[in-house]
N, C-alpha and C. Protein backbone atom coordinates (compact mmCIF):
# COMPACT_ATOMS: atom_id res chain seq x y z
N MET A 1 0.81 -1.10 -0.03
CA MET A 1 0.14 0.14 0.23
C MET A 1 1.11 1.26 -0.21
N ASP A 2 0.71 2.69 -0.40
CA ASP A 2 1.45 4.06 -0.80
C ASP A 2 1.16 4.32 0.88
N ALA A 3 1.65 5.61 0.91
CA ALA A 3 1.22 6.33 2.00
C ALA A 3 -0.32 7.26 2.42
N GLN A 4 -0.84 7.26 1.08
CA GLN A 4 -2.38 7.47 1.35
C GLN A 4 -2.76 6.68 1.60
N GLN A 5 -2.83 5.20 1.08
CA GLN A 5 -3.80 3.99 1.41
C GLN A 5 -3.46 3.75 2.90
N ALA A 6 -2.33 3.96 3.42
CA ALA A 6 -1.78 3.34 4.83
C ALA A 6 -2.47 4.44 5.69
N ARG A 7 -2.74 5.70 5.44
CA ARG A 7 -3.50 6.60 6.24
C ARG A 7 -4.71 6.28 6.25
N ARG A 8 -5.44 5.53 5.69
CA ARG A 8 -6.98 4.98 5.83
C ARG A 8 -6.71 3.92 6.38
N VAL A 9 -5.91 2.89 6.34
CA VAL A 9 -5.35 1.50 6.93
C VAL A 9 -5.41 2.15 8.44
N ASP A 10 -4.64 2.97 8.64
CA ASP A 10 -4.24 3.40 10.08
C ASP A 10 -5.52 4.11 10.87
N ALA A 11 -6.75 4.64 9.94
CA ALA A 11 -7.42 5.55 10.74
C ALA A 11 -8.49 4.30 11.18
N VAL A 12 -8.80 3.22 10.29
CA VAL A 12 -9.87 2.05 10.49
C VAL A 12 -8.85 1.44 11.10
N LEU A 13 -7.69 1.16 11.75
CA LEU A 13 -7.58 -0.02 12.85
C LEU A 13 -8.05 0.80 13.90
N ARG A 14 -7.68 1.90 14.06
CA ARG A 14 -7.26 2.84 15.27
C ARG A 14 -9.16 2.68 15.45
N GLN A 15 -10.04 3.25 14.71
CA GLN A 15 -11.64 3.38 14.71
C GLN A 15 -12.30 1.46 15.41
N LEU A 16 -11.97 0.59 14.99
CA LEU A 16 -11.84 -0.99 15.70
C LEU A 16 -10.87 -1.44 16.54
N ASN A 17 -10.53 -0.79 16.79
CA ASN A 17 -9.13 -1.20 17.95
C ASN A 17 -8.52 -2.11 17.72
N ILE A 18 -8.07 -2.23 16.51
CA ILE A 18 -7.23 -3.45 16.41
C ILE A 18 -5.59 -3.38 16.19
N PRO A 19 -5.00 -3.69 17.22
CA PRO A 19 -3.44 -3.02 17.19
C PRO A 19 -2.60 -3.04 15.86
N GLY A 20 -1.59 -2.39 15.81
CA GLY A 20 -0.71 -2.27 14.89
C GLY A 20 -0.13 -0.58 14.62
N VAL A 21 0.92 -0.87 13.96
CA VAL A 21 1.17 0.49 13.57
C VAL A 21 1.70 0.32 12.09
N VAL A 22 1.32 1.46 11.17
CA VAL A 22 1.24 1.64 10.08
C VAL A 22 2.46 2.11 9.70
N ALA A 23 3.44 1.90 8.98
CA ALA A 23 4.73 2.49 8.73
C ALA A 23 5.05 1.85 7.41
N PRO A 24 5.91 3.15 7.16
CA PRO A 24 6.68 2.63 5.20
C PRO A 24 7.84 1.23 5.62
N GLU A 25 8.09 0.25 4.70
CA GLU A 25 9.03 -0.78 5.03
C GLU A 25 9.81 -0.32 5.41
N ASP A 26 10.52 0.81 4.09
CA ASP A 26 11.81 1.54 4.14
C ASP A 26 11.86 2.74 5.32
N PRO A 27 12.01 2.92 6.31
CA PRO A 27 12.13 4.27 7.45
C PRO A 27 12.53 5.58 6.42
N ASP A 28 13.28 5.15 5.36
CA ASP A 28 14.11 6.34 4.81
C ASP A 28 13.55 6.76 3.75
N ASN A 29 12.21 6.03 3.39
CA ASN A 29 11.63 6.11 2.13
C ASN A 29 10.24 6.11 2.30
N PRO A 30 9.46 6.91 2.71
CA PRO A 30 8.31 7.11 3.33
C PRO A 30 6.95 7.28 2.03
N ALA A 31 8.08 7.49 0.48
CA ALA A 31 7.28 7.36 -0.83
C ALA A 31 6.64 5.95 -0.99
N GLY A 32 7.61 4.79 -0.68
CA GLY A 32 7.35 3.47 -0.74
C GLY A 32 6.39 2.97 -0.28
N ARG A 33 6.73 1.57 -0.20
CA ARG A 33 5.44 0.82 0.00
C ARG A 33 5.48 0.87 1.65
N TRP A 34 4.23 0.47 2.27
CA TRP A 34 3.93 0.96 3.75
C TRP A 34 3.31 -1.01 3.97
N ARG A 35 3.49 -1.18 4.95
CA ARG A 35 2.60 -2.10 5.79
C ARG A 35 2.23 -1.81 7.10
N VAL A 36 1.70 -2.95 7.73
CA VAL A 36 1.12 -2.89 9.30
C VAL A 36 2.03 -3.89 10.44
N TYR A 37 2.57 -3.28 10.95
CA TYR A 37 3.71 -3.90 12.37
C TYR A 37 3.13 -3.88 13.39
N ASP A 38 4.07 -5.00 14.06
CA ASP A 38 3.59 -5.25 15.91
C ASP A 38 3.78 -3.92 17.00
N SER A 39 4.94 -3.09 16.20
CA SER A 39 5.75 -1.96 17.07
C SER A 39 6.15 -1.23 16.03
N ALA A 40 6.40 -0.26 16.62
CA ALA A 40 7.30 1.56 15.59
C ALA A 40 8.79 0.90 15.41
N ASP A 41 9.12 0.13 16.78
CA ASP A 41 10.69 0.09 16.42
C ASP A 41 10.85 -0.53 15.11
N TYR A 42 11.59 -0.03 14.36
CA TYR A 42 12.22 -0.44 12.99
C TYR A 42 13.27 -1.43 13.30
N THR A 43 13.68 -1.93 14.16
CA THR A 43 14.46 -3.05 14.29
C THR A 43 14.15 -4.11 14.74
N THR A 44 12.75 -4.00 15.65
CA THR A 44 12.36 -5.12 16.25
C THR A 44 11.14 -5.87 15.77
N ARG A 45 10.38 -4.88 14.52
CA ARG A 45 9.20 -4.70 14.23
C ARG A 45 9.17 -6.02 13.49
N HIS A 46 7.39 -6.87 13.83
CA HIS A 46 7.01 -8.38 13.06
C HIS A 46 5.92 -7.45 11.73
N ASP A 47 6.17 -8.00 10.44
CA ASP A 47 4.92 -7.55 9.58
C ASP A 47 3.84 -8.11 10.01
N VAL A 48 2.53 -7.64 10.32
CA VAL A 48 0.99 -8.45 10.93
C VAL A 48 0.13 -7.30 9.62
N THR A 49 0.62 -7.22 8.53
CA THR A 49 -0.62 -6.75 7.64
C THR A 49 -1.31 -7.59 7.68
N ALA A 50 -1.05 -8.90 6.87
CA ALA A 50 -2.26 -10.02 6.92
C ALA A 50 -3.08 -10.04 8.01
N ASP A 51 -2.56 -10.23 9.23
CA ASP A 51 -3.62 -10.34 10.65
C ASP A 51 -4.43 -9.15 10.58
N ALA A 52 -3.91 -8.14 10.47
CA ALA A 52 -4.91 -6.99 10.63
C ALA A 52 -5.82 -6.66 9.81
N LEU A 53 -5.45 -7.11 8.61
CA LEU A 53 -6.53 -7.08 7.34
C LEU A 53 -7.44 -7.95 7.89
N ALA A 54 -6.83 -9.00 7.67
CA ALA A 54 -8.01 -10.32 8.62
C ALA A 54 -8.95 -9.68 9.61
N ALA A 55 -8.65 -9.01 10.36
CA ALA A 55 -9.55 -8.67 11.57
C ALA A 55 -10.16 -7.43 10.87
N VAL A 56 -10.37 -7.01 10.29
CA VAL A 56 -10.71 -5.75 9.57
C VAL A 56 -12.11 -6.83 8.48
N ALA A 57 -11.62 -7.20 8.09
CA ALA A 57 -12.48 -8.73 7.40
C ALA A 57 -13.60 -8.84 7.72
N ALA A 58 -12.95 -9.81 9.57
CA ALA A 58 -13.75 -10.39 9.96
C ALA A 58 -14.61 -9.43 10.84
N THR A 59 -14.76 -7.98 10.68
CA THR A 59 -15.43 -7.42 11.50
C THR A 59 -16.90 -7.03 11.07
N PHE A 60 -16.47 -7.14 9.15
CA PHE A 60 -17.37 -6.85 8.03
C PHE A 60 -17.59 -8.03 7.37
N PRO A 61 -18.10 -8.96 7.82
CA PRO A 61 -17.85 -10.58 7.09
C PRO A 61 -18.58 -10.61 6.18
N ASP A 62 -19.71 -9.69 5.92
CA ASP A 62 -20.29 -9.42 4.13
C ASP A 62 -20.00 -9.09 3.62
N GLY A 63 -19.17 -7.92 4.13
CA GLY A 63 -18.12 -6.77 3.43
C GLY A 63 -18.54 -5.49 3.39
N GLY A 64 -20.08 -5.32 4.48
CA GLY A 64 -20.13 -3.64 4.86
C GLY A 64 -20.53 -3.30 6.21
N PRO A 65 -20.85 -2.42 6.27
CA PRO A 65 -21.23 -2.22 7.94
C PRO A 65 -22.54 -2.84 8.12
N GLY A 66 -22.26 -3.37 9.53
CA GLY A 66 -23.23 -4.06 10.08
C GLY A 66 -24.75 -3.76 10.12
N PRO A 67 -26.04 -4.45 10.78
CA PRO A 67 -26.82 -3.90 10.37
C PRO A 67 -27.13 -2.51 11.50
N GLY A 68 -28.13 -2.06 11.31
CA GLY A 68 -28.89 -0.55 12.43
C GLY A 68 -28.60 0.50 11.42
N PRO A 69 -29.41 1.52 11.73
CA PRO A 69 -29.29 3.08 10.89
C PRO A 69 -27.98 3.37 10.94
N GLN A 70 -28.03 3.73 9.61
CA GLN A 70 -26.93 4.23 8.80
C GLN A 70 -27.13 5.80 8.25
N ARG A 71 -26.18 6.75 8.17
CA ARG A 71 -26.34 8.05 8.36
C ARG A 71 -26.03 7.78 6.39
N GLY A 72 -26.51 9.20 5.87
CA GLY A 72 -25.91 9.12 4.33
C GLY A 72 -26.94 10.25 3.95
N PHE A 73 -26.81 10.74 2.61
CA PHE A 73 -27.65 11.41 1.78
C PHE A 73 -28.11 10.89 0.84
N VAL A 74 -29.75 11.23 0.21
CA VAL A 74 -30.13 11.02 -0.58
C VAL A 74 -30.16 12.18 -1.45
N LEU A 75 -29.56 11.91 -2.94
CA LEU A 75 -30.11 13.05 -3.98
C LEU A 75 -30.78 12.89 -4.79
N PRO A 76 -31.73 14.00 -5.33
CA PRO A 76 -32.79 13.60 -6.15
C PRO A 76 -31.93 13.52 -7.59
N PRO A 77 -32.99 13.35 -8.66
CA PRO A 77 -32.17 13.21 -9.90
C PRO A 77 -32.13 14.58 -10.18
N SER A 78 -31.30 14.90 -11.00
CA SER A 78 -30.98 16.26 -11.66
C SER A 78 -32.31 16.71 -12.74
N GLY A 79 -32.80 18.00 -12.99
CA GLY A 79 -33.88 18.07 -13.70
C GLY A 79 -35.57 18.10 -12.71
N THR A 80 -34.90 17.85 -11.45
CA THR A 80 -36.58 17.66 -10.89
C THR A 80 -36.39 18.46 -10.09
């Protein structure tokens, strides 16, 4: 994932209370690929991207939000 996707993944992990630190694979190249790690320490961290994404997917087993009220907008067709 790139830096923009990493920011979205980080926000979702925090909202769902899923542990993980989203950081670039190479700390000296923030424009490169990013992953989810178990800690922020570059020397001891372990890649847990697959586990974090599986935890997110398990939260929404049908691919969408759970049942209940949802917020949104209804836009009428143009010309009405």
